[in-house]
Amino acid sequence: MYQSYQTACNQRTKAARVVYLNTLASLQQECVIRNDFDNALLLKKALEQGTGNSVDIPPPSMWKSLVDIELKTESKWLHKITSDGQFYHRPPSDKEYRSATDKVDMEKSMPEAVIFAGSLGRKWLKMENGDVVQICHHDTCVEKLIPLSASPQSSDIGSKLADAERLYQMSCARATAPLTAKFITALEKIQKQALIDGKLDDCIKIKQYTDTLKNSPLGSSSASPSCLKGAWMDSSNILAYDFNDSGTMIVRTKSRQVEQQGQYVRSSPAGGYFIFKITQGKEKGEERILFPYDGKIYFLKADLSNWIRVLSPNSK
């Protein structure tokens, strides 16, 4: 079954792969002409990975498109990351950048989120319109980052590579979405039968694989808010948030009084976060951004103001 699925996916993504590889080859030639051999080697590796026989869609690397771009906070600090993922910042009173302990965590970063390894828990989330919002200081501070300038060579190639990866991912995801949905459904049936037969190890392995597939570019082509389903509590332990399968959100106080209601509107282009609209309560008509990550939900205002709620599973 797996081999049939892979063969069908490869067939449907053949045209998208040709376009992607041709783009990489053109970018590599551009780097050689510029004597930009660091990026030329990076593209060589991407070409080698892309010519494999199986469908291997690289996640679009948002952080690559931000390399050497100066990002200004409302407090006038400047931030930037280099091609090796190192984070630098510059206070308003300084003329030089300082290195910080933060560094891009390339394994945890996602198509629409840059996750940093560091003491402040820094995260960058890319909005639909290209804005970048920063969550840091242990998830208590939200800042909008305004792009100022970029190194003409590095950021240009990084941006083009990220665009090529994003287009390839989207093309493949659209082409294979029906196949992937059927494959996941078939695997879930096998998982249920394994549970009935008492084959717990097989059941766990299948569940882990289907979860991985659902979270991959192939599985997230039509992201669903069902991943938010359940009962959640904010860090103040005052408000409880309930989400159902249809994307309805109900917010209650400790006395179980309904404080607010919201409804799912859409997912982000890569399915990394969800937009909800408040349908009942004082803030009716406003939109919220819900970003699920690491077992929590980061709940932000769509105007990117310095306001955040971090929701954790409600154990009660």
Foldseek 3Di string as FASTA:
>chain_A
DVVVLFVQLLVLLVVLLVVLLVLLVVLLVVCVVVVVVVVNVVSVVVNVVSPDSTDDQDFQQPLQLQAQWWWAWPQGKTWHAHPQFWIWIHHNVDDDIDTDPWGFPVVQAGNFKTFIPDDFRWMWGAAQVGWIWIATNVRQWITTIHTDDGDVPRSVSSNSNSVSSLSSLLSSLVRSQVSLVVVLVVLVVVLVVCVVVVVVVSNVVSVVVSVVSCLDSNNCQAAFCQVVAAWKAWPVRFWIWHADRQAKIFIAGPVRDTAWIWGWDGAHNSRQWTKIATCDHPRHGFIWIWGDDDQWTWIGGPVRPTDITIIHHDPD
